[in-house]
Amino acid sequence: MNYLNAFLFAGFVCLLGQIILDNTKLTAGHVTTIFVVLGAFLDIFSIYDKFVLWAGGGALVPITSFGHLLIHGAIEKAQDFGLIGLAMGMFDLTSSGIISAIVISFFLSLIFEPKD
């Protein structure tokens, strides 16, 4: 059942993104930003944690989980270190994803040629 819930949640996020792209003039960057902010907003009210419990990895894979992790880490570190903990916590949980995106994009830029 956990696989089905993960599939349904991640598929629903993809469906929402595709509906937004098909019916508006927003670009993929706009939709990505909307989903990151939505994940952060849902985490502020502890709603996204319920999605993670229900969907498991299906809620941790989509772009909405990046916003969730940013806010989750910031709130966690802010309780320990105060205002400076906000900045520390944002990158505590997301640093591995950010670094791997930078390293992979660097190596791919060495292999592929950009279009004009």
PDB file of N, CA and C in Angstrom:
ATOM      1  N   MET A   1       0.817  -1.196   0.000  1.00  0.00           N
ATOM      2  CA  MET A   1       0.000   0.000   0.000  1.00  0.00           C
ATOM      3  C   MET A   1       0.860   1.258   0.000  1.00  0.00           C
ATOM      4  N   ASN A   2       2.057   1.144   0.633  1.00  0.00           N
ATOM      5  CA  ASN A   2       2.949   2.295   0.691  1.00  0.00           C
ATOM      6  C   ASN A   2       3.405   2.704  -0.710  1.00  0.00           C
ATOM      7  N   TYR A   3       3.655   1.712  -1.584  1.00  0.00           N
ATOM      8  CA  TYR A   3       4.055   2.021  -2.951  1.00  0.00           C
ATOM      9  C   TYR A   3       2.939   2.735  -3.702  1.00  0.00           C
ATOM     10  N   LEU A   4       1.725   2.296  -3.482  1.00  0.00           N
ATOM     11  CA  LEU A   4       0.587   2.926  -4.152  1.00  0.00           C
ATOM     12  C   LEU A   4       0.414   4.362  -3.675  1.00  0.00           C
ATOM     13  N   ASN A   5       0.527   4.594  -2.376  1.00  0.00           N
ATOM     14  CA  ASN A   5       0.407   5.958  -1.853  1.00  0.00           C
ATOM     15  C   ASN A   5       1.517   6.852  -2.395  1.00  0.00           C
ATOM     16  N   ALA A   6       2.739   6.324  -2.467  1.00  0.00           N
ATOM     17  CA  ALA A   6       3.854   7.099  -3.006  1.00  0.00           C
ATOM     18  C   ALA A   6       3.608   7.443  -4.472  1.00  0.00           C
ATOM     19  N   PHE A   7       3.138   6.477  -5.232  1.00  0.00           N
ATOM     20  CA  PHE A   7       2.846   6.701  -6.635  1.00  0.00           C
ATOM     21  C   PHE A   7       1.731   7.732  -6.811  1.00  0.00           C
ATOM     22  N   LEU A   8       0.690   7.619  -6.012  1.00  0.00           N
ATOM     23  CA  LEU A   8      -0.432   8.551  -6.130  1.00  0.00           C
ATOM     24  C   LEU A   8      -0.029   9.980  -5.778  1.00  0.00           C
ATOM     25  N   PHE A   9       0.755  10.151  -4.718  1.00  0.00           N
ATOM     26  CA  PHE A   9       1.152  11.504  -4.316  1.00  0.00           C
ATOM     27  C   PHE A   9       2.075  12.141  -5.355  1.00  0.00           C
ATOM     28  N   ALA A  10       3.120  11.422  -5.745  1.00  0.00           N
ATOM     29  CA  ALA A  10       4.057  11.974  -6.721  1.00  0.00           C
ATOM     30  C   ALA A  10       3.370  12.192  -8.070  1.00  0.00           C
ATOM     31  N   GLY A  11       2.488  11.286  -8.439  1.00  0.00           N
ATOM     32  CA  GLY A  11       1.736  11.459  -9.678  1.00  0.00           C
ATOM     33  C   GLY A  11       0.803  12.647  -9.626  1.00  0.00           C
ATOM     34  N   PHE A  12       0.202  12.893  -8.471  1.00  0.00           N
ATOM     35  CA  PHE A  12      -0.677  14.049  -8.322  1.00  0.00           C
ATOM     36  C   PHE A  12       0.100  15.353  -8.439  1.00  0.00           C
ATOM     37  N   VAL A  13       1.299  15.396  -7.874  1.00  0.00           N
ATOM     38  CA  VAL A  13       2.136  16.593  -7.990  1.00  0.00           C
ATOM     39  C   VAL A  13       2.497  16.830  -9.458  1.00  0.00           C
ATOM     40  N   CYS A  14       2.865  15.762 -10.159  1.00  0.00           N
ATOM     41  CA  CYS A  14       3.185  15.882 -11.586  1.00  0.00           C
ATOM     42  C   CYS A  14       1.967  16.304 -12.396  1.00  0.00           C
ATOM     43  N   LEU A  15       0.817  15.760 -12.058  1.00  0.00           N
ATOM     44  CA  LEU A  15      -0.419  16.130 -12.747  1.00  0.00           C
ATOM     45  C   LEU A  15      -0.727  17.606 -12.554  1.00  0.00           C
ATOM     46  N   LEU A  16      -0.588  18.090 -11.330  1.00  0.00           N
ATOM     47  CA  LEU A  16      -0.822  19.514 -11.082  1.00  0.00           C
ATOM     48  C   LEU A  16       0.137  20.387 -11.886  1.00  0.00           C
ATOM     49  N   GLY A  17       1.398  19.999 -11.911  1.00  0.00           N
ATOM     50  CA  GLY A  17       2.383  20.757 -12.675  1.00  0.00           C
ATOM     51  C   GLY A  17       2.046  20.777 -14.153  1.00  0.00           C
ATOM     52  N   GLN A  18       1.641  19.651 -14.696  1.00  0.00           N
ATOM     53  CA  GLN A  18       1.310  19.593 -16.117  1.00  0.00           C
ATOM     54  C   GLN A  18       0.061  20.398 -16.444  1.00  0.00           C
ATOM     55  N   ILE A  19      -0.929  20.362 -15.560  1.00  0.00           N
ATOM     56  CA  ILE A  19      -2.145  21.156 -15.774  1.00  0.00           C
ATOM     57  C   ILE A  19      -1.814  22.645 -15.762  1.00  0.00           C
ATOM     58  N   ILE A  20      -0.958  23.052 -14.833  1.00  0.00           N
ATOM     59  CA  ILE A  20      -0.560  24.465 -14.767  1.00  0.00           C
ATOM     60  C   ILE A  20       0.198  24.858 -16.036  1.00  0.00           C
ATOM     61  N   LEU A  21       1.116  24.015 -16.485  1.00  0.00           N
ATOM     62  CA  LEU A  21       1.894  24.333 -17.694  1.00  0.00           C
ATOM     63  C   LEU A  21       1.020  24.394 -18.943  1.00  0.00           C
ATOM     64  N   ASP A  22       0.037  23.496 -19.033  1.00  0.00           N
ATOM     65  CA  ASP A  22      -0.809  23.447 -20.226  1.00  0.00           C
ATOM     66  C   ASP A  22      -1.833  24.565 -20.289  1.00  0.00           C
ATOM     67  N   ASN A  23      -2.298  25.052 -19.146  1.00  0.00           N
ATOM     68  CA  ASN A  23      -3.410  25.998 -19.134  1.00  0.00           C
ATOM     69  C   ASN A  23      -3.035  27.425 -18.764  1.00  0.00           C
ATOM     70  N   THR A  24      -1.776  27.686 -18.522  1.00  0.00           N
ATOM     71  CA  THR A  24      -1.339  29.051 -18.204  1.00  0.00           C
ATOM     72  C   THR A  24      -0.126  29.391 -19.050  1.00  0.00           C
ATOM     73  N   LYS A  25       0.313  30.612 -18.957  1.00  0.00           N
ATOM     74  CA  LYS A  25       1.510  31.039 -19.674  1.00  0.00           C
ATOM     75  C   LYS A  25       2.751  30.981 -18.784  1.00  0.00           C
ATOM     76  N   LEU A  26       2.645  30.282 -17.660  1.00  0.00           N
ATOM     77  CA  LEU A  26       3.780  30.155 -16.756  1.00  0.00           C
ATOM     78  C   LEU A  26       4.805  29.199 -17.335  1.00  0.00           C
ATOM     79  N   THR A  27       6.068  29.462 -17.062  1.00  0.00           N
ATOM     80  CA  THR A  27       7.142  28.588 -17.523  1.00  0.00           C
ATOM     81  C   THR A  27       7.419  27.515 -16.475  1.00  0.00           C
ATOM     82  N   ALA A  28       8.296  26.587 -16.835  1.00  0.00           N
ATOM     83  CA  ALA A  28       8.653  25.513 -15.898  1.00  0.00           C
ATOM     84  C   ALA A  28       9.325  26.081 -14.647  1.00  0.00           C
ATOM     85  N   GLY A  29      10.071  27.155 -14.797  1.00  0.00           N
ATOM     86  CA  GLY A  29      10.693  27.797 -13.634  1.00  0.00           C
ATOM     87  C   GLY A  29       9.671  28.379 -12.680  1.00  0.00           C
ATOM     88  N   HIS A  30       8.610  28.951 -13.231  1.00  0.00           N
ATOM     89  CA  HIS A  30       7.538  29.475 -12.383  1.00  0.00           C
ATOM     90  C   HIS A  30       6.855  28.359 -11.608  1.00  0.00           C
ATOM     91  N   VAL A  31       6.567  27.266 -12.303  1.00  0.00           N
ATOM     92  CA  VAL A  31       5.873  26.143 -11.664  1.00  0.00           C
ATOM     93  C   VAL A  31       6.756  25.520 -10.582  1.00  0.00           C
ATOM     94  N   THR A  32       8.044  25.401 -10.862  1.00  0.00           N
ATOM     95  CA  THR A  32       8.969  24.864  -9.866  1.00  0.00           C
ATOM     96  C   THR A  32       8.988  25.733  -8.620  1.00  0.00           C
ATOM     97  N   THR A  33       9.047  27.036  -8.826  1.00  0.00           N
ATOM     98  CA  THR A  33       9.038  27.963  -7.697  1.00  0.00           C
ATOM     99  C   THR A  33       7.740  27.871  -6.911  1.00  0.00           C
ATOM    100  N   ILE A  34       6.632  27.747  -7.600  1.00  0.00           N
ATOM    101  CA  ILE A  34       5.336  27.616  -6.927  1.00  0.00           C
ATOM    102  C   ILE A  34       5.325  26.369  -6.043  1.00  0.00           C
ATOM    103  N   PHE A  35       5.853  25.262  -6.562  1.00  0.00           N
ATOM    104  CA  PHE A  35       5.849  24.024  -5.784  1.00  0.00           C
ATOM    105  C   PHE A  35       6.791  24.082  -4.589  1.00  0.00           C
ATOM    106  N   VAL A  36       7.932  24.743  -4.741  1.00  0.00           N
ATOM    107  CA  VAL A  36       8.847  24.885  -3.596  1.00  0.00           C
ATOM    108  C   VAL A  36       8.181  25.723  -2.507  1.00  0.00           C
ATOM    109  N   VAL A  37       7.552  26.829  -2.895  1.00  0.00           N
ATOM    110  CA  VAL A  37       6.869  27.687  -1.917  1.00  0.00           C
ATOM    111  C   VAL A  37       5.687  26.949  -1.297  1.00  0.00           C
ATOM    112  N   LEU A  38       4.960  26.174  -2.087  1.00  0.00           N
ATOM    113  CA  LEU A  38       3.838  25.402  -1.560  1.00  0.00           C
ATOM    114  C   LEU A  38       4.307  24.371  -0.541  1.00  0.00           C
ATOM    115  N   GLY A  39       5.412  23.679  -0.838  1.00  0.00           N
ATOM    116  CA  GLY A  39       5.959  22.715   0.118  1.00  0.00           C
ATOM    117  C   GLY A  39       6.401  23.386   1.405  1.00  0.00           C
ATOM    118  N   ALA A  40       7.011  24.576   1.287  1.00  0.00           N
ATOM    119  CA  ALA A  40       7.431  25.326   2.475  1.00  0.00           C
ATOM    120  C   ALA A  40       6.216  25.784   3.278  1.00  0.00           C
ATOM    121  N   PHE A  41       5.197  26.267   2.581  1.00  0.00           N
ATOM    122  CA  PHE A  41       3.980  26.734   3.254  1.00  0.00           C
ATOM    123  C   PHE A  41       3.287  25.587   3.991  1.00  0.00           C
ATOM    124  N   LEU A  42       3.217  24.424   3.352  1.00  0.00           N
ATOM    125  CA  LEU A  42       2.580  23.275   4.005  1.00  0.00           C
ATOM    126  C   LEU A  42       3.388  22.792   5.207  1.00  0.00           C
ATOM    127  N   ASP A  43       4.708  22.961   5.163  1.00  0.00           N
ATOM    128  CA  ASP A  43       5.524  22.530   6.294  1.00  0.00           C
ATOM    129  C   ASP A  43       5.391  23.479   7.478  1.00  0.00           C
ATOM    130  N   ILE A  44       5.143  24.744   7.225  1.00  0.00           N
ATOM    131  CA  ILE A  44       4.968  25.705   8.328  1.00  0.00           C
ATOM    132  C   ILE A  44       3.830  25.269   9.230  1.00  0.00           C
ATOM    133  N   PHE A  45       2.777  24.737   8.645  1.00  0.00           N
ATOM    134  CA  PHE A  45       1.615  24.304   9.416  1.00  0.00           C
ATOM    135  C   PHE A  45       1.625  22.799   9.689  1.00  0.00           C
ATOM    136  N   SER A  46       2.761  22.143   9.506  1.00  0.00           N
ATOM    137  CA  SER A  46       2.953  20.705   9.752  1.00  0.00           C
ATOM    138  C   SER A  46       2.010  19.825   8.948  1.00  0.00           C
ATOM    139  N   ILE A  47       1.606  20.287   7.787  1.00  0.00           N
ATOM    140  CA  ILE A  47       0.747  19.485   6.922  1.00  0.00           C
ATOM    141  C   ILE A  47       1.587  18.549   6.070  1.00  0.00           C
ATOM    142  N   TYR A  48       2.743  19.034   5.622  1.00  0.00           N
ATOM    143  CA  TYR A  48       3.572  18.209   4.733  1.00  0.00           C
ATOM    144  C   TYR A  48       4.103  16.979   5.446  1.00  0.00           C
ATOM    145  N   ASP A  49       4.327  17.066   6.745  1.00  0.00           N
ATOM    146  CA  ASP A  49       4.768  15.891   7.502  1.00  0.00           C
ATOM    147  C   ASP A  49       3.725  14.778   7.445  1.00  0.00           C
ATOM    148  N   LYS A  50       2.459  15.139   7.405  1.00  0.00           N
ATOM    149  CA  LYS A  50       1.395  14.130   7.279  1.00  0.00           C
ATOM    150  C   LYS A  50       1.440  13.471   5.908  1.00  0.00           C
ATOM    151  N   PHE A  51       1.763  14.270   4.880  1.00  0.00           N
ATOM    152  CA  PHE A  51       1.929  13.690   3.545  1.00  0.00           C
ATOM    153  C   PHE A  51       3.102  12.720   3.523  1.00  0.00           C
ATOM    154  N   VAL A  52       4.195  13.064   4.197  1.00  0.00           N
ATOM    155  CA  VAL A  52       5.369  12.192   4.247  1.00  0.00           C
ATOM    156  C   VAL A  52       5.024  10.885   4.955  1.00  0.00           C
ATOM    157  N   LEU A  53       4.276  10.959   6.038  1.00  0.00           N
ATOM    158  CA  LEU A  53       3.867   9.734   6.740  1.00  0.00           C
ATOM    159  C   LEU A  53       2.953   8.872   5.879  1.00  0.00           C
ATOM    160  N   TRP A  54       2.092   9.502   5.093  1.00  0.00           N
ATOM    161  CA  TRP A  54       1.139   8.768   4.272  1.00  0.00           C
ATOM    162  C   TRP A  54       1.793   8.219   3.007  1.00  0.00           C
ATOM    163  N   ALA A  55       2.580   9.060   2.315  1.00  0.00           N
ATOM    164  CA  ALA A  55       3.116   8.673   1.015  1.00  0.00           C
ATOM    165  C   ALA A  55       4.563   8.207   1.065  1.00  0.00           C
ATOM    166  N   GLY A  56       5.237   8.387   2.171  1.00  0.00           N
ATOM    167  CA  GLY A  56       6.624   7.937   2.289  1.00  0.00           C
ATOM    168  C   GLY A  56       7.538   8.630   1.297  1.00  0.00           C
ATOM    169  N   GLY A  57       8.274   7.829   0.528  1.00  0.00           N
ATOM    170  CA  GLY A  57       9.219   8.373  -0.442  1.00  0.00           C
ATOM    171  C   GLY A  57       8.557   9.152  -1.555  1.00  0.00           C
ATOM    172  N   GLY A  58       7.295   8.876  -1.820  1.00  0.00           N
ATOM    173  CA  GLY A  58       6.579   9.625  -2.855  1.00  0.00           C
ATOM    174  C   GLY A  58       6.417  11.085  -2.509  1.00  0.00           C
ATOM    175  N   ALA A  59       6.457  11.412  -1.234  1.00  0.00           N
ATOM    176  CA  ALA A  59       6.365  12.814  -0.817  1.00  0.00           C
ATOM    177  C   ALA A  59       7.743  13.441  -0.656  1.00  0.00           C
ATOM    178  N   LEU A  60       8.780  12.620  -0.635  1.00  0.00           N
ATOM    179  CA  LEU A  60      10.134  13.151  -0.470  1.00  0.00           C
ATOM    180  C   LEU A  60      10.855  13.343  -1.796  1.00  0.00           C
ATOM    181  N   VAL A  61      10.294  12.849  -2.890  1.00  0.00           N
ATOM    182  CA  VAL A  61      10.938  12.959  -4.190  1.00  0.00           C
ATOM    183  C   VAL A  61      10.552  14.235  -4.946  1.00  0.00           C
ATOM    184  N   PRO A  62       9.291  14.646  -5.007  1.00  0.00           N
ATOM    185  CA  PRO A  62       8.945  15.813  -5.819  1.00  0.00           C
ATOM    186  C   PRO A  62       9.581  17.103  -5.297  1.00  0.00           C
ATOM    187  N   ILE A  63       9.515  18.133  -6.119  1.00  0.00           N
ATOM    188  CA  ILE A  63      10.134  19.418  -5.798  1.00  0.00           C
ATOM    189  C   ILE A  63       9.489  20.055  -4.567  1.00  0.00           C
ATOM    190  N   THR A  64       8.285  19.674  -4.227  1.00  0.00           N
ATOM    191  CA  THR A  64       7.648  20.225  -3.035  1.00  0.00           C
ATOM    192  C   THR A  64       8.416  19.862  -1.771  1.00  0.00           C
ATOM    193  N   SER A  65       9.113  18.731  -1.807  1.00  0.00           N
ATOM    194  CA  SER A  65       9.856  18.338  -0.615  1.00  0.00           C
ATOM    195  C   SER A  65      11.069  19.232  -0.379  1.00  0.00           C
ATOM    196  N   PHE A  66      11.580  19.903  -1.424  1.00  0.00           N
ATOM    197  CA  PHE A  66      12.701  20.825  -1.236  1.00  0.00           C
ATOM    198  C   PHE A  66      12.275  21.995  -0.355  1.00  0.00           C
ATOM    199  N   GLY A  67      11.097  22.549  -0.608  1.00  0.00           N
ATOM    200  CA  GLY A  67      10.580  23.618   0.251  1.00  0.00           C
ATOM    201  C   GLY A  67      10.317  23.121   1.659  1.00  0.00           C
ATOM    202  N   HIS A  68       9.808  21.911   1.752  1.00  0.00           N
ATOM    203  CA  HIS A  68       9.560  21.295   3.058  1.00  0.00           C
ATOM    204  C   HIS A  68      10.858  21.170   3.841  1.00  0.00           C
ATOM    205  N   LEU A  69      11.919  20.689   3.188  1.00  0.00           N
ATOM    206  CA  LEU A  69      13.191  20.513   3.879  1.00  0.00           C
ATOM    207  C   LEU A  69      13.831  21.842   4.261  1.00  0.00           C
ATOM    208  N   LEU A  70      13.679  22.860   3.412  1.00  0.00           N
ATOM    209  CA  LEU A  70      14.223  24.183   3.747  1.00  0.00           C
ATOM    210  C   LEU A  70      13.612  24.714   5.036  1.00  0.00           C
ATOM    211  N   ILE A  71      12.305  24.709   5.109  1.00  0.00           N
ATOM    212  CA  ILE A  71      11.620  25.247   6.286  1.00  0.00           C
ATOM    213  C   ILE A  71      11.795  24.338   7.488  1.00  0.00           C
ATOM    214  N   HIS A  72      11.737  23.037   7.267  1.00  0.00           N
ATOM    215  CA  HIS A  72      11.862  22.081   8.374  1.00  0.00           C
ATOM    216  C   HIS A  72      13.211  22.243   9.075  1.00  0.00           C
ATOM    217  N   GLY A  73      14.274  22.328   8.286  1.00  0.00           N
ATOM    218  CA  GLY A  73      15.599  22.519   8.863  1.00  0.00           C
ATOM    219  C   GLY A  73      15.753  23.870   9.534  1.00  0.00           C
ATOM    220  N   ALA A  74      15.183  24.910   8.922  1.00  0.00           N
ATOM    221  CA  ALA A  74      15.287  26.260   9.489  1.00  0.00           C
ATOM    222  C   ALA A  74      14.578  26.349  10.835  1.00  0.00           C
ATOM    223  N   ILE A  75      13.410  25.790  10.931  1.00  0.00           N
ATOM    224  CA  ILE A  75      12.656  25.838  12.189  1.00  0.00           C
ATOM    225  C   ILE A  75      13.374  25.022  13.261  1.00  0.00           C
ATOM    226  N   GLU A  76      13.907  23.869  12.857  1.00  0.00           N
ATOM    227  CA  GLU A  76      14.599  23.008  13.818  1.00  0.00           C
ATOM    228  C   GLU A  76      15.840  23.698  14.398  1.00  0.00           C
ATOM    229  N   LYS A  77      16.648  24.321  13.559  1.00  0.00           N
ATOM    230  CA  LYS A  77      17.861  24.996  14.039  1.00  0.00           C
ATOM    231  C   LYS A  77      17.540  26.312  14.742  1.00  0.00           C
ATOM    232  N   ALA A  78      16.448  26.973  14.357  1.00  0.00           N
ATOM    233  CA  ALA A  78      16.077  28.233  15.003  1.00  0.00           C
ATOM    234  C   ALA A  78      15.698  28.007  16.463  1.00  0.00           C
ATOM    235  N   GLN A  79      15.169  26.846  16.771  1.00  0.00           N
ATOM    236  CA  GLN A  79      14.837  26.545  18.160  1.00  0.00           C
ATOM    237  C   GLN A  79      16.093  26.419  19.018  1.00  0.00           C
ATOM    238  N   ASP A  80      17.188  25.974  18.413  1.00  0.00           N
ATOM    239  CA  ASP A  80      18.430  25.805  19.160  1.00  0.00           C
ATOM    240  C   ASP A  80      19.315  27.057  19.153  1.00  0.00           C
ATOM    241  N   PHE A  81      19.404  27.740  17.993  1.00  0.00           N
ATOM    242  CA  PHE A  81      20.365  28.823  17.836  1.00  0.00           C
ATOM    243  C   PHE A  81      19.743  30.190  17.610  1.00  0.00           C
ATOM    244  N   GLY A  82      18.438  30.290  17.623  1.00  0.00           N
ATOM    245  CA  GLY A  82      17.784  31.576  17.432  1.00  0.00           C
ATOM    246  C   GLY A  82      17.772  32.000  15.975  1.00  0.00           C
ATOM    247  N   LEU A  83      17.927  33.297  15.736  1.00  0.00           N
ATOM    248  CA  LEU A  83      17.796  33.856  14.395  1.00  0.00           C
ATOM    249  C   LEU A  83      18.876  33.341  13.441  1.00  0.00           C
ATOM    250  N   ILE A  84      20.090  33.192  13.916  1.00  0.00           N
ATOM    251  CA  ILE A  84      21.156  32.681  13.055  1.00  0.00           C
ATOM    252  C   ILE A  84      20.904  31.230  12.667  1.00  0.00           C
ATOM    253  N   GLY A  85      20.129  30.530  13.467  1.00  0.00           N
ATOM    254  CA  GLY A  85      19.787  29.140  13.167  1.00  0.00           C
ATOM    255  C   GLY A  85      18.904  28.997  11.940  1.00  0.00           C
ATOM    256  N   LEU A  86      18.174  30.061  11.584  1.00  0.00           N
ATOM    257  CA  LEU A  86      17.350  30.005  10.375  1.00  0.00           C
ATOM    258  C   LEU A  86      18.207  29.747   9.147  1.00  0.00           C
ATOM    259  N   ALA A  87      19.274  30.510   9.012  1.00  0.00           N
ATOM    260  CA  ALA A  87      20.158  30.338   7.858  1.00  0.00           C
ATOM    261  C   ALA A  87      20.922  29.022   7.941  1.00  0.00           C
ATOM    262  N   MET A  88      21.345  28.651   9.135  1.00  0.00           N
ATOM    263  CA  MET A  88      22.077  27.394   9.291  1.00  0.00           C
ATOM    264  C   MET A  88      21.206  26.197   8.935  1.00  0.00           C
ATOM    265  N   GLY A  89      19.982  26.213   9.383  1.00  0.00           N
ATOM    266  CA  GLY A  89      19.098  25.071   9.190  1.00  0.00           C
ATOM    267  C   GLY A  89      18.607  24.902   7.775  1.00  0.00           C
ATOM    268  N   MET A  90      18.473  26.015   7.048  1.00  0.00           N
ATOM    269  CA  MET A  90      18.002  25.912   5.666  1.00  0.00           C
ATOM    270  C   MET A  90      18.896  25.012   4.833  1.00  0.00           C
ATOM    271  N   PHE A  91      20.180  25.138   5.033  1.00  0.00           N
ATOM    272  CA  PHE A  91      21.108  24.385   4.209  1.00  0.00           C
ATOM    273  C   PHE A  91      21.582  23.100   4.874  1.00  0.00           C
ATOM    274  N   ASP A  92      21.160  22.862   6.083  1.00  0.00           N
ATOM    275  CA  ASP A  92      21.559  21.651   6.792  1.00  0.00           C
ATOM    276  C   ASP A  92      20.970  20.411   6.129  1.00  0.00           C
ATOM    277  N   LEU A  93      19.692  20.429   5.828  1.00  0.00           N
ATOM    278  CA  LEU A  93      19.029  19.269   5.244  1.00  0.00           C
ATOM    279  C   LEU A  93      19.116  19.232   3.726  1.00  0.00           C
ATOM    280  N   THR A  94      19.373  20.368   3.090  1.00  0.00           N
ATOM    281  CA  THR A  94      19.341  20.425   1.626  1.00  0.00           C
ATOM    282  C   THR A  94      20.717  20.508   0.986  1.00  0.00           C
ATOM    283  N   SER A  95      21.756  20.574   1.793  1.00  0.00           N
ATOM    284  CA  SER A  95      23.088  20.793   1.224  1.00  0.00           C
ATOM    285  C   SER A  95      23.526  19.667   0.289  1.00  0.00           C
ATOM    286  N   SER A  96      23.210  18.436   0.594  1.00  0.00           N
ATOM    287  CA  SER A  96      23.637  17.339  -0.280  1.00  0.00           C
ATOM    288  C   SER A  96      22.965  17.428  -1.646  1.00  0.00           C
ATOM    289  N   GLY A  97      21.697  17.796  -1.682  1.00  0.00           N
ATOM    290  CA  GLY A  97      21.002  17.954  -2.963  1.00  0.00           C
ATOM    291  C   GLY A  97      21.526  19.120  -3.764  1.00  0.00           C
ATOM    292  N   ILE A  98      21.833  20.224  -3.091  1.00  0.00           N
ATOM    293  CA  ILE A  98      22.356  21.398  -3.786  1.00  0.00           C
ATOM    294  C   ILE A  98      23.742  21.110  -4.359  1.00  0.00           C
ATOM    295  N   ILE A  99      24.606  20.498  -3.549  1.00  0.00           N
ATOM    296  CA  ILE A  99      25.961  20.199  -4.001  1.00  0.00           C
ATOM    297  C   ILE A  99      25.949  19.200  -5.151  1.00  0.00           C
ATOM    298  N   SER A 100      25.121  18.161  -5.054  1.00  0.00           N
ATOM    299  CA  SER A 100      25.091  17.190  -6.148  1.00  0.00           C
ATOM    300  C   SER A 100      24.549  17.814  -7.427  1.00  0.00           C
ATOM    301  N   ALA A 101      23.593  18.724  -7.338  1.00  0.00           N
ATOM    302  CA  ALA A 101      23.093  19.405  -8.535  1.00  0.00           C
ATOM    303  C   ALA A 101      24.189  20.253  -9.173  1.00  0.00           C
ATOM    304  N   ILE A 102      24.984  20.920  -8.360  1.00  0.00           N
ATOM    305  CA  ILE A 102      26.076  21.745  -8.891  1.00  0.00           C
ATOM    306  C   ILE A 102      27.144  20.867  -9.553  1.00  0.00           C
ATOM    307  N   VAL A 103      27.548  19.797  -8.891  1.00  0.00           N
ATOM    308  CA  VAL A 103      28.609  18.931  -9.427  1.00  0.00           C
ATOM    309  C   VAL A 103      28.145  18.236 -10.700  1.00  0.00           C
ATOM    310  N   ILE A 104      26.940  17.698 -10.708  1.00  0.00           N
ATOM    311  CA  ILE A 104      26.436  17.001 -11.891  1.00  0.00           C
ATOM    312  C   ILE A 104      26.282  17.970 -13.059  1.00  0.00           C
ATOM    313  N   SER A 105      25.757  19.166 -12.800  1.00  0.00           N
ATOM    314  CA  SER A 105      25.603  20.136 -13.895  1.00  0.00           C
ATOM    315  C   SER A 105      26.958  20.577 -14.433  1.00  0.00           C
ATOM    316  N   PHE A 106      27.977  20.661 -13.583  1.00  0.00           N
ATOM    317  CA  PHE A 106      29.319  21.007 -14.053  1.00  0.00           C
ATOM    318  C   PHE A 106      29.846  19.951 -15.018  1.00  0.00           C
ATOM    319  N   PHE A 107      29.749  18.674 -14.631  1.00  0.00           N
ATOM    320  CA  PHE A 107      30.264  17.622 -15.494  1.00  0.00           C
ATOM    321  C   PHE A 107      29.443  17.477 -16.774  1.00  0.00           C
ATOM    322  N   LEU A 108      28.145  17.681 -16.695  1.00  0.00           N
ATOM    323  CA  LEU A 108      27.324  17.626 -17.912  1.00  0.00           C
ATOM    324  C   LEU A 108      27.641  18.781 -18.850  1.00  0.00           C
ATOM    325  N   SER A 109      28.013  19.945 -18.286  1.00  0.00           N
ATOM    326  CA  SER A 109      28.380  21.074 -19.141  1.00  0.00           C
ATOM    327  C   SER A 109      29.689  20.818 -19.876  1.00  0.00           C
ATOM    328  N   LEU A 110      30.547  19.952 -19.353  1.00  0.00           N
ATOM    329  CA  LEU A 110      31.773  19.594 -20.055  1.00  0.00           C
ATOM    330  C   LEU A 110      31.508  18.626 -21.213  1.00  0.00           C
ATOM    331  N   ILE A 111      30.453  17.856 -21.101  1.00  0.00           N
ATOM    332  CA  ILE A 111      30.154  16.840 -22.107  1.00  0.00           C
ATOM    333  C   ILE A 111      29.319  17.396 -23.244  1.00  0.00           C
ATOM    334  N   PHE A 112      28.304  18.191 -22.922  1.00  0.00           N
ATOM    335  CA  PHE A 112      27.332  18.625 -23.931  1.00  0.00           C
ATOM    336  C   PHE A 112      27.582  20.072 -24.361  1.00  0.00           C
ATOM    337  N   GLU A 113      27.204  20.361 -25.606  1.00  0.00           N
ATOM    338  CA  GLU A 113      27.304  21.711 -26.159  1.00  0.00           C
ATOM    339  C   GLU A 113      25.959  22.418 -26.033  1.00  0.00           C
ATOM    340  N   PRO A 114      25.944  23.695 -25.626  1.00  0.00           N
ATOM    341  CA  PRO A 114      24.675  24.414 -25.553  1.00  0.00           C
ATOM    342  C   PRO A 114      24.169  24.781 -26.950  1.00  0.00           C
ATOM    343  N   LYS A 115      22.856  24.903 -27.077  1.00  0.00           N
ATOM    344  CA  LYS A 115      22.260  25.343 -28.343  1.00  0.00           C
ATOM    345  C   LYS A 115      22.403  26.852 -28.458  1.00  0.00           C
ATOM    346  N   ASP A 116      22.367  27.327 -29.676  1.00  0.00           N
ATOM    347  CA  ASP A 116      22.486  28.777 -29.907  1.00  0.00           C
ATOM    348  C   ASP A 116      21.256  29.527 -29.495  1.00  0.00           C
TER     349      ASP A 116
END
